[in-house]
PDB file of N, CA and C in Angstrom:
ATOM      1  N   MET A   1     -11.894 -12.239 -12.776  1.00  0.00           N
ATOM      2  CA  MET A   1     -11.193 -12.297 -11.420  1.00  0.00           C
ATOM      3  C   MET A   1     -12.102 -12.414 -10.180  1.00  0.00           C
ATOM      4  N   THR A   2     -12.005 -13.004  -9.438  1.00  0.00           N
ATOM      5  CA  THR A   2     -12.824 -13.308  -8.377  1.00  0.00           C
ATOM      6  C   THR A   2     -12.896 -11.993  -7.326  1.00  0.00           C
ATOM      7  N   THR A   3     -13.977 -11.807  -6.538  1.00  0.00           N
ATOM      8  CA  THR A   3     -14.059 -10.680  -5.490  1.00  0.00           C
ATOM      9  C   THR A   3     -13.080 -10.692  -4.586  1.00  0.00           C
ATOM     10  N   GLN A   4     -12.582 -12.050  -4.199  1.00  0.00           N
ATOM     11  CA  GLN A   4     -11.674 -12.196  -3.071  1.00  0.00           C
ATOM     12  C   GLN A   4     -10.426 -11.643  -3.514  1.00  0.00           C
ATOM     13  N   LEU A   5      -9.746 -11.929  -4.806  1.00  0.00           N
ATOM     14  CA  LEU A   5      -8.750 -11.514  -5.436  1.00  0.00           C
ATOM     15  C   LEU A   5      -8.654 -10.050  -5.702  1.00  0.00           C
ATOM     16  N   LYS A   6      -9.733  -9.520  -5.955  1.00  0.00           N
ATOM     17  CA  LYS A   6      -9.760  -8.134  -6.134  1.00  0.00           C
ATOM     18  C   LYS A   6      -9.508  -7.228  -4.768  1.00  0.00           C
ATOM     19  N   VAL A   7     -10.104  -7.874  -3.740  1.00  0.00           N
ATOM     20  CA  VAL A   7      -9.877  -7.259  -2.292  1.00  0.00           C
ATOM     21  C   VAL A   7      -8.459  -7.527  -1.804  1.00  0.00           C
ATOM     22  N   LEU A   8      -7.813  -8.618  -2.095  1.00  0.00           N
ATOM     23  CA  LEU A   8      -6.635  -8.687  -1.859  1.00  0.00           C
ATOM     24  C   LEU A   8      -5.808  -7.926  -2.652  1.00  0.00           C
ATOM     25  N   LEU A   9      -5.787  -7.505  -3.889  1.00  0.00           N
ATOM     26  CA  LEU A   9      -5.028  -6.716  -4.725  1.00  0.00           C
ATOM     27  C   LEU A   9      -5.128  -5.336  -4.076  1.00  0.00           C
ATOM     28  N   PHE A  10      -6.335  -4.864  -3.776  1.00  0.00           N
ATOM     29  CA  PHE A  10      -6.348  -3.525  -3.497  1.00  0.00           C
ATOM     30  C   PHE A  10      -6.057  -3.377  -1.960  1.00  0.00           C
ATOM     31  N   ALA A  11      -6.019  -4.432  -0.935  1.00  0.00           N
ATOM     32  CA  ALA A  11      -5.503  -4.095   0.122  1.00  0.00           C
ATOM     33  C   ALA A  11      -3.792  -3.956   0.024  1.00  0.00           C
ATOM     34  N   LEU A  12      -3.259  -4.780  -0.697  1.00  0.00           N
ATOM     35  CA  LEU A  12      -1.948  -4.939  -0.947  1.00  0.00           C
ATOM     36  C   LEU A  12      -1.434  -3.409  -1.722  1.00  0.00           C
ATOM     37  N   ALA A  13      -2.123  -3.103  -2.630  1.00  0.00           N
ATOM     38  CA  ALA A  13      -1.978  -1.736  -3.110  1.00  0.00           C
ATOM     39  C   ALA A  13      -1.943  -0.674  -1.928  1.00  0.00           C
ATOM     40  N   GLY A  14      -3.026  -0.589  -1.048  1.00  0.00           N
ATOM     41  CA  GLY A  14      -3.231   0.296  -0.156  1.00  0.00           C
ATOM     42  C   GLY A  14      -2.108   0.572   0.814  1.00  0.00           C
ATOM     43  N   GLY A  15      -1.771  -0.800   1.105  1.00  0.00           N
ATOM     44  CA  GLY A  15      -0.590  -1.018   2.296  1.00  0.00           C
ATOM     45  C   GLY A  15       0.689  -0.660   1.585  1.00  0.00           C
ATOM     46  N   GLY A  16       0.826  -0.919   0.270  1.00  0.00           N
ATOM     47  CA  GLY A  16       2.297  -0.661  -0.336  1.00  0.00           C
ATOM     48  C   GLY A  16       2.469   0.882  -0.286  1.00  0.00           C
ATOM     49  N   SER A  17       1.173   1.468  -0.420  1.00  0.00           N
ATOM     50  CA  SER A  17       0.996   3.219  -0.552  1.00  0.00           C
ATOM     51  C   SER A  17       1.193   3.697   0.603  1.00  0.00           C
ATOM     52  N   LEU A  18       0.656   3.191   1.686  1.00  0.00           N
ATOM     53  CA  LEU A  18       1.235   3.776   3.077  1.00  0.00           C
ATOM     54  C   LEU A  18       2.515   3.465   3.655  1.00  0.00           C
ATOM     55  N   ALA A  19       3.049   2.211   2.997  1.00  0.00           N
ATOM     56  CA  ALA A  19       4.645   1.994   3.496  1.00  0.00           C
ATOM     57  C   ALA A  19       5.410   3.084   2.713  1.00  0.00           C
ATOM     58  N   ILE A  20       4.911   3.478   1.702  1.00  0.00           N
ATOM     59  CA  ILE A  20       6.011   4.465   0.799  1.00  0.00           C
ATOM     60  C   ILE A  20       5.550   5.968   1.486  1.00  0.00           C
ATOM     61  N   PHE A  21       4.370   6.358   1.790  1.00  0.00           N
ATOM     62  CA  PHE A  21       4.460   7.427   2.393  1.00  0.00           C
ATOM     63  C   PHE A  21       4.875   7.586   3.772  1.00  0.00           C
ATOM     64  N   ALA A  22       5.045   6.494   4.637  1.00  0.00           N
ATOM     65  CA  ALA A  22       5.794   6.495   5.715  1.00  0.00           C
ATOM     66  C   ALA A  22       7.502   6.859   5.707  1.00  0.00           C
ATOM     67  N   ALA A  23       7.748   6.038   4.580  1.00  0.00           N
ATOM     68  CA  ALA A  23       9.103   6.176   4.162  1.00  0.00           C
ATOM     69  C   ALA A  23       9.582   7.569   3.924  1.00  0.00           C
ATOM     70  N   MET A  24       8.788   8.114   2.975  1.00  0.00           N
ATOM     71  CA  MET A  24       8.899   9.502   2.641  1.00  0.00           C
ATOM     72  C   MET A  24       8.795  10.389   3.721  1.00  0.00           C
ATOM     73  N   GLN A  25       7.960  10.151   4.589  1.00  0.00           N
ATOM     74  CA  GLN A  25       7.729  11.348   5.752  1.00  0.00           C
ATOM     75  C   GLN A  25       9.080  11.257   6.767  1.00  0.00           C
ATOM     76  N   ARG A  26       9.673  10.059   6.800  1.00  0.00           N
ATOM     77  CA  ARG A  26      10.701   9.961   7.736  1.00  0.00           C
ATOM     78  C   ARG A  26      11.957  10.395   7.063  1.00  0.00           C
ATOM     79  N   SER A  27      12.035  10.836   5.597  1.00  0.00           N
ATOM     80  CA  SER A  27      13.278  11.190   5.225  1.00  0.00           C
ATOM     81  C   SER A  27      13.246  12.769   5.594  1.00  0.00           C
ATOM     82  N   ARG A  28      11.984  13.274   5.976  1.00  0.00           N
ATOM     83  CA  ARG A  28      12.162  14.809   6.434  1.00  0.00           C
ATOM     84  C   ARG A  28      12.223  15.770   5.266  1.00  0.00           C
ATOM     85  N   ARG A  29      11.840  15.427   4.137  1.00  0.00           N
ATOM     86  CA  ARG A  29      11.707  16.309   2.770  1.00  0.00           C
ATOM     87  C   ARG A  29      10.433  15.325   2.115  1.00  0.00           C
ATOM     88  N   LEU A  30       9.506  15.508   2.776  1.00  0.00           N
ATOM     89  CA  LEU A  30       8.367  14.879   1.966  1.00  0.00           C
ATOM     90  C   LEU A  30       8.139  15.234   0.772  1.00  0.00           C
ATOM     91  N   LEU A  31       7.725  16.642   0.347  1.00  0.00           N
ATOM     92  CA  LEU A  31       7.360  17.202  -0.870  1.00  0.00           C
ATOM     93  C   LEU A  31       8.528  16.898  -1.742  1.00  0.00           C
ATOM     94  N   ARG A  32       9.826  17.185  -1.591  1.00  0.00           N
ATOM     95  CA  ARG A  32      10.857  16.695  -2.290  1.00  0.00           C
ATOM     96  C   ARG A  32      10.790  15.480  -2.757  1.00  0.00           C
ATOM     97  N   SER A  33      10.422  14.378  -1.995  1.00  0.00           N
ATOM     98  CA  SER A  33      10.451  13.014  -2.164  1.00  0.00           C
ATOM     99  C   SER A  33       9.298  12.640  -3.209  1.00  0.00           C
ATOM    100  N   LEU A  34       8.119  13.430  -2.592  1.00  0.00           N
ATOM    101  CA  LEU A  34       6.718  13.146  -3.523  1.00  0.00           C
ATOM    102  C   LEU A  34       7.312  13.563  -5.027  1.00  0.00           C
ATOM    103  N   LEU A  35       7.898  14.633  -4.969  1.00  0.00           N
ATOM    104  CA  LEU A  35       7.914  15.041  -6.634  1.00  0.00           C
ATOM    105  C   LEU A  35       8.990  14.361  -7.361  1.00  0.00           C
ATOM    106  N   LEU A  36      10.032  13.865  -6.805  1.00  0.00           N
ATOM    107  CA  LEU A  36      10.752  12.990  -7.046  1.00  0.00           C
ATOM    108  C   LEU A  36      10.397  11.630  -7.665  1.00  0.00           C
ATOM    109  N   SER A  37       9.629  11.099  -6.792  1.00  0.00           N
ATOM    110  CA  SER A  37       8.921   9.820  -6.952  1.00  0.00           C
ATOM    111  C   SER A  37       7.932   9.861  -8.188  1.00  0.00           C
ATOM    112  N   ALA A  38       7.110  11.199  -8.174  1.00  0.00           N
ATOM    113  CA  ALA A  38       6.227  11.188  -9.353  1.00  0.00           C
ATOM    114  C   ALA A  38       6.947  11.508 -10.593  1.00  0.00           C
ATOM    115  N   ALA A  39       7.942  12.231 -10.401  1.00  0.00           N
ATOM    116  CA  ALA A  39       8.610  12.360 -11.793  1.00  0.00           C
ATOM    117  C   ALA A  39       9.472  11.102 -12.504  1.00  0.00           C
ATOM    118  N   SER A  40       9.955  10.284 -11.634  1.00  0.00           N
ATOM    119  CA  SER A  40      10.569   9.181 -11.777  1.00  0.00           C
ATOM    120  C   SER A  40       9.370   8.159 -12.187  1.00  0.00           C
ATOM    121  N   GLY A  41       8.690   8.035 -11.522  1.00  0.00           N
ATOM    122  CA  GLY A  41       7.335   7.247 -12.085  1.00  0.00           C
ATOM    123  C   GLY A  41       6.645   7.502 -13.517  1.00  0.00           C
ATOM    124  N   VAL A  42       6.308   8.676 -13.555  1.00  0.00           N
ATOM    125  CA  VAL A  42       5.731   8.838 -14.846  1.00  0.00           C
ATOM    126  C   VAL A  42       6.886   8.824 -16.080  1.00  0.00           C
ATOM    127  N   ALA A  43       8.243   9.132 -15.809  1.00  0.00           N
ATOM    128  CA  ALA A  43       9.239   8.882 -16.846  1.00  0.00           C
ATOM    129  C   ALA A  43       9.353   7.240 -17.004  1.00  0.00           C
ATOM    130  N   ALA A  44       9.266   6.489 -16.133  1.00  0.00           N
ATOM    131  CA  ALA A  44       9.267   5.254 -16.188  1.00  0.00           C
ATOM    132  C   ALA A  44       8.127   4.707 -17.207  1.00  0.00           C
ATOM    133  N   LEU A  45       6.927   5.320 -16.614  1.00  0.00           N
ATOM    134  CA  LEU A  45       5.734   4.833 -17.650  1.00  0.00           C
ATOM    135  C   LEU A  45       6.094   5.282 -19.182  1.00  0.00           C
ATOM    136  N   TYR A  46       6.467   6.331 -19.212  1.00  0.00           N
ATOM    137  CA  TYR A  46       6.955   6.765 -20.736  1.00  0.00           C
ATOM    138  C   TYR A  46       7.775   5.857 -21.208  1.00  0.00           C
ATOM    139  N   ALA A  47       8.850   5.619 -20.480  1.00  0.00           N
ATOM    140  CA  ALA A  47       9.842   4.813 -21.003  1.00  0.00           C
ATOM    141  C   ALA A  47       9.368   3.247 -21.398  1.00  0.00           C
ATOM    142  N   VAL A  48       8.558   2.988 -20.611  1.00  0.00           N
ATOM    143  CA  VAL A  48       8.048   1.587 -20.941  1.00  0.00           C
ATOM    144  C   VAL A  48       7.071   1.836 -22.292  1.00  0.00           C
ATOM    145  N   ASN A  49       6.314   2.763 -22.376  1.00  0.00           N
ATOM    146  CA  ASN A  49       5.525   2.707 -23.560  1.00  0.00           C
ATOM    147  C   ASN A  49       6.227   3.066 -24.778  1.00  0.00           C
ATOM    148  N   ALA A  50       7.245   3.908 -24.712  1.00  0.00           N
ATOM    149  CA  ALA A  50       8.200   4.101 -25.727  1.00  0.00           C
ATOM    150  C   ALA A  50       9.092   3.106 -26.094  1.00  0.00           C
ATOM    151  N   LEU A  51       9.616   2.219 -25.296  1.00  0.00           N
ATOM    152  CA  LEU A  51      10.193   0.747 -25.563  1.00  0.00           C
ATOM    153  C   LEU A  51       9.350  -0.220 -25.629  1.00  0.00           C
ATOM    154  N   GLY A  52       8.182  -0.213 -25.439  1.00  0.00           N
ATOM    155  CA  GLY A  52       7.194  -0.959 -25.689  1.00  0.00           C
ATOM    156  C   GLY A  52       6.744  -1.147 -27.290  1.00  0.00           C
ATOM    157  N   LEU A  53       7.000  -0.305 -27.914  1.00  0.00           N
ATOM    158  CA  LEU A  53       6.931  -0.283 -29.187  1.00  0.00           C
ATOM    159  C   LEU A  53       7.741  -1.501 -29.909  1.00  0.00           C
ATOM    160  N   LEU A  54       8.848  -1.538 -29.386  1.00  0.00           N
ATOM    161  CA  LEU A  54      10.080  -2.449 -30.088  1.00  0.00           C
ATOM    162  C   LEU A  54       9.652  -3.896 -29.226  1.00  0.00           C
ATOM    163  N   LEU A  55       9.420  -3.893 -27.978  1.00  0.00           N
ATOM    164  CA  LEU A  55       9.332  -5.184 -27.138  1.00  0.00           C
ATOM    165  C   LEU A  55       7.790  -5.813 -27.195  1.00  0.00           C
ATOM    166  N   GLY A  56       6.821  -4.885 -27.673  1.00  0.00           N
ATOM    167  CA  GLY A  56       5.515  -5.532 -27.625  1.00  0.00           C
ATOM    168  C   GLY A  56       4.894  -5.242 -26.363  1.00  0.00           C
ATOM    169  N   LEU A  57       5.266  -4.477 -25.414  1.00  0.00           N
ATOM    170  CA  LEU A  57       4.824  -4.242 -24.044  1.00  0.00           C
ATOM    171  C   LEU A  57       4.235  -2.811 -24.056  1.00  0.00           C
ATOM    172  N   ARG A  58       2.913  -2.754 -23.636  1.00  0.00           N
ATOM    173  CA  ARG A  58       2.298  -1.423 -23.663  1.00  0.00           C
ATOM    174  C   ARG A  58       1.419  -1.303 -22.322  1.00  0.00           C
ATOM    175  N   LEU A  59       1.563  -0.199 -21.617  1.00  0.00           N
ATOM    176  CA  LEU A  59       0.423   0.213 -20.565  1.00  0.00           C
ATOM    177  C   LEU A  59      -0.325   1.335 -21.116  1.00  0.00           C
ATOM    178  N   ALA A  60      -1.575   1.060 -20.650  1.00  0.00           N
ATOM    179  CA  ALA A  60      -2.555   1.940 -21.067  1.00  0.00           C
ATOM    180  C   ALA A  60      -2.395   3.234 -20.308  1.00  0.00           C
ATOM    181  N   VAL A  61      -2.184   4.565 -20.870  1.00  0.00           N
ATOM    182  CA  VAL A  61      -2.088   5.769 -20.009  1.00  0.00           C
ATOM    183  C   VAL A  61      -3.639   6.336 -19.600  1.00  0.00           C
ATOM    184  N   ASN A  62      -3.927   6.000 -18.558  1.00  0.00           N
ATOM    185  CA  ASN A  62      -5.067   6.771 -17.942  1.00  0.00           C
ATOM    186  C   ASN A  62      -4.926   7.182 -16.611  1.00  0.00           C
ATOM    187  N   TRP A  63      -5.834   7.752 -15.803  1.00  0.00           N
ATOM    188  CA  TRP A  63      -5.676   8.059 -14.472  1.00  0.00           C
ATOM    189  C   TRP A  63      -5.078   7.246 -13.646  1.00  0.00           C
ATOM    190  N   LEU A  64      -5.503   5.817 -13.678  1.00  0.00           N
ATOM    191  CA  LEU A  64      -5.035   4.762 -12.562  1.00  0.00           C
ATOM    192  C   LEU A  64      -3.618   4.651 -12.856  1.00  0.00           C
ATOM    193  N   THR A  65      -3.208   4.251 -14.180  1.00  0.00           N
ATOM    194  CA  THR A  65      -1.754   4.164 -14.475  1.00  0.00           C
ATOM    195  C   THR A  65      -0.947   5.628 -13.848  1.00  0.00           C
ATOM    196  N   LEU A  66      -1.416   6.390 -14.262  1.00  0.00           N
ATOM    197  CA  LEU A  66      -0.667   7.533 -13.981  1.00  0.00           C
ATOM    198  C   LEU A  66      -0.540   7.748 -12.600  1.00  0.00           C
ATOM    199  N   GLY A  67      -1.567   7.678 -11.807  1.00  0.00           N
ATOM    200  CA  GLY A  67      -1.422   7.802 -10.232  1.00  0.00           C
ATOM    201  C   GLY A  67      -0.727   6.784  -9.638  1.00  0.00           C
ATOM    202  N   VAL A  68      -0.850   5.460 -10.232  1.00  0.00           N
ATOM    203  CA  VAL A  68       0.255   4.585  -9.603  1.00  0.00           C
ATOM    204  C   VAL A  68       1.541   4.988  -9.764  1.00  0.00           C
ATOM    205  N   SER A  69       1.847   5.404 -10.985  1.00  0.00           N
ATOM    206  CA  SER A  69       3.455   5.539 -11.453  1.00  0.00           C
ATOM    207  C   SER A  69       3.784   6.951 -10.489  1.00  0.00           C
ATOM    208  N   ALA A  70       2.913   7.924 -10.457  1.00  0.00           N
ATOM    209  CA  ALA A  70       3.188   8.957  -9.505  1.00  0.00           C
ATOM    210  C   ALA A  70       3.330   8.437  -8.151  1.00  0.00           C
ATOM    211  N   VAL A  71       2.490   7.861  -7.670  1.00  0.00           N
ATOM    212  CA  VAL A  71       2.736   7.528  -6.147  1.00  0.00           C
ATOM    213  C   VAL A  71       3.784   6.554  -5.820  1.00  0.00           C
ATOM    214  N   ALA A  72       3.853   5.394  -6.501  1.00  0.00           N
ATOM    215  CA  ALA A  72       4.845   4.645  -6.279  1.00  0.00           C
ATOM    216  C   ALA A  72       6.120   4.258  -7.112  1.00  0.00           C
ATOM    217  N   GLY A  73       6.301   5.201  -8.104  1.00  0.00           N
ATOM    218  CA  GLY A  73       7.273   5.561  -8.961  1.00  0.00           C
ATOM    219  C   GLY A  73       7.638   4.421  -9.720  1.00  0.00           C
ATOM    220  N   PRO A  74       8.942   4.050 -10.025  1.00  0.00           N
ATOM    221  CA  PRO A  74       9.113   2.767 -10.820  1.00  0.00           C
ATOM    222  C   PRO A  74       8.940   1.611 -10.436  1.00  0.00           C
ATOM    223  N   PRO A  75       8.896   1.234  -8.968  1.00  0.00           N
ATOM    224  CA  PRO A  75       8.372  -0.093  -8.751  1.00  0.00           C
ATOM    225  C   PRO A  75       6.931  -0.180  -9.102  1.00  0.00           C
ATOM    226  N   GLY A  76       6.255   0.890  -9.049  1.00  0.00           N
ATOM    227  CA  GLY A  76       4.999   0.906  -9.429  1.00  0.00           C
ATOM    228  C   GLY A  76       4.429   0.595 -10.730  1.00  0.00           C
ATOM    229  N   VAL A  77       5.140   1.076 -11.465  1.00  0.00           N
ATOM    230  CA  VAL A  77       5.229   0.697 -13.097  1.00  0.00           C
ATOM    231  C   VAL A  77       5.736  -0.784 -13.259  1.00  0.00           C
ATOM    232  N   ALA A  78       6.714  -1.359 -12.516  1.00  0.00           N
ATOM    233  CA  ALA A  78       6.828  -2.582 -12.693  1.00  0.00           C
ATOM    234  C   ALA A  78       5.711  -3.435 -11.912  1.00  0.00           C
ATOM    235  N   ALA A  79       5.134  -3.201 -10.896  1.00  0.00           N
ATOM    236  CA  ALA A  79       3.872  -3.829 -10.529  1.00  0.00           C
ATOM    237  C   ALA A  79       2.661  -3.744 -11.561  1.00  0.00           C
ATOM    238  N   LEU A  80       2.573  -2.611 -12.148  1.00  0.00           N
ATOM    239  CA  LEU A  80       1.691  -2.685 -13.401  1.00  0.00           C
ATOM    240  C   LEU A  80       1.954  -3.500 -14.267  1.00  0.00           C
ATOM    241  N   LEU A  81       3.246  -3.628 -15.012  1.00  0.00           N
ATOM    242  CA  LEU A  81       3.600  -4.491 -15.880  1.00  0.00           C
ATOM    243  C   LEU A  81       3.186  -5.906 -15.405  1.00  0.00           C
ATOM    244  N   LEU A  82       3.703  -6.302 -14.277  1.00  0.00           N
ATOM    245  CA  LEU A  82       3.407  -7.654 -13.599  1.00  0.00           C
ATOM    246  C   LEU A  82       1.874  -7.862 -13.758  1.00  0.00           C
ATOM    247  N   ALA A  83       0.994  -7.066 -13.207  1.00  0.00           N
ATOM    248  CA  ALA A  83      -0.266  -7.252 -13.126  1.00  0.00           C
ATOM    249  C   ALA A  83      -0.993  -7.571 -14.475  1.00  0.00           C
ATOM    250  N   ASP A  84      -0.543  -6.669 -15.590  1.00  0.00           N
ATOM    251  CA  ASP A  84      -0.832  -6.548 -16.837  1.00  0.00           C
ATOM    252  C   ASP A  84      -0.543  -7.820 -17.537  1.00  0.00           C
ATOM    253  N   ALA A  85       0.466  -8.643 -17.086  1.00  0.00           N
ATOM    254  CA  ALA A  85       1.065  -9.976 -17.598  1.00  0.00           C
ATOM    255  C   ALA A  85       0.365 -11.031 -16.925  1.00  0.00           C
ATOM    256  N   MET A  86      -0.037 -10.795 -15.711  1.00  0.00           N
ATOM    257  CA  MET A  86      -0.987 -12.019 -14.977  1.00  0.00           C
ATOM    258  C   MET A  86      -2.286 -11.910 -15.543  1.00  0.00           C
ATOM    259  N   MET A  87      -2.963 -10.684 -15.776  1.00  0.00           N
ATOM    260  CA  MET A  87      -4.577 -10.724 -16.231  1.00  0.00           C
ATOM    261  C   MET A  87      -4.298 -10.514 -17.769  1.00  0.00           C
ATOM    262  N   GLY A  88      -3.257 -10.664 -18.631  1.00  0.00           N
ATOM    263  CA  GLY A  88      -3.566 -10.702 -20.015  1.00  0.00           C
ATOM    264  C   GLY A  88      -2.949 -11.454 -20.551  1.00  0.00           C
TER     265      GLY A  88
END
């Protein structure tokens, strides 16, 4: 993967994270939104790995994938699956 593509992907991820935090802050229940997003994202990561045994999909569980799933929620897990499909 080229350096330019890596920079673009990190910029998109950073912009997406800022947009998510801005939307959560506008809801006036930032902590509740963060906890709900983290719980649903980690549950989605678990579901992908549990169902992945049947479908042949797997995501590695490490600090990066846990962080993305906790911050971005289920859309972050979908983005991880898309990135995994594109890179591998």
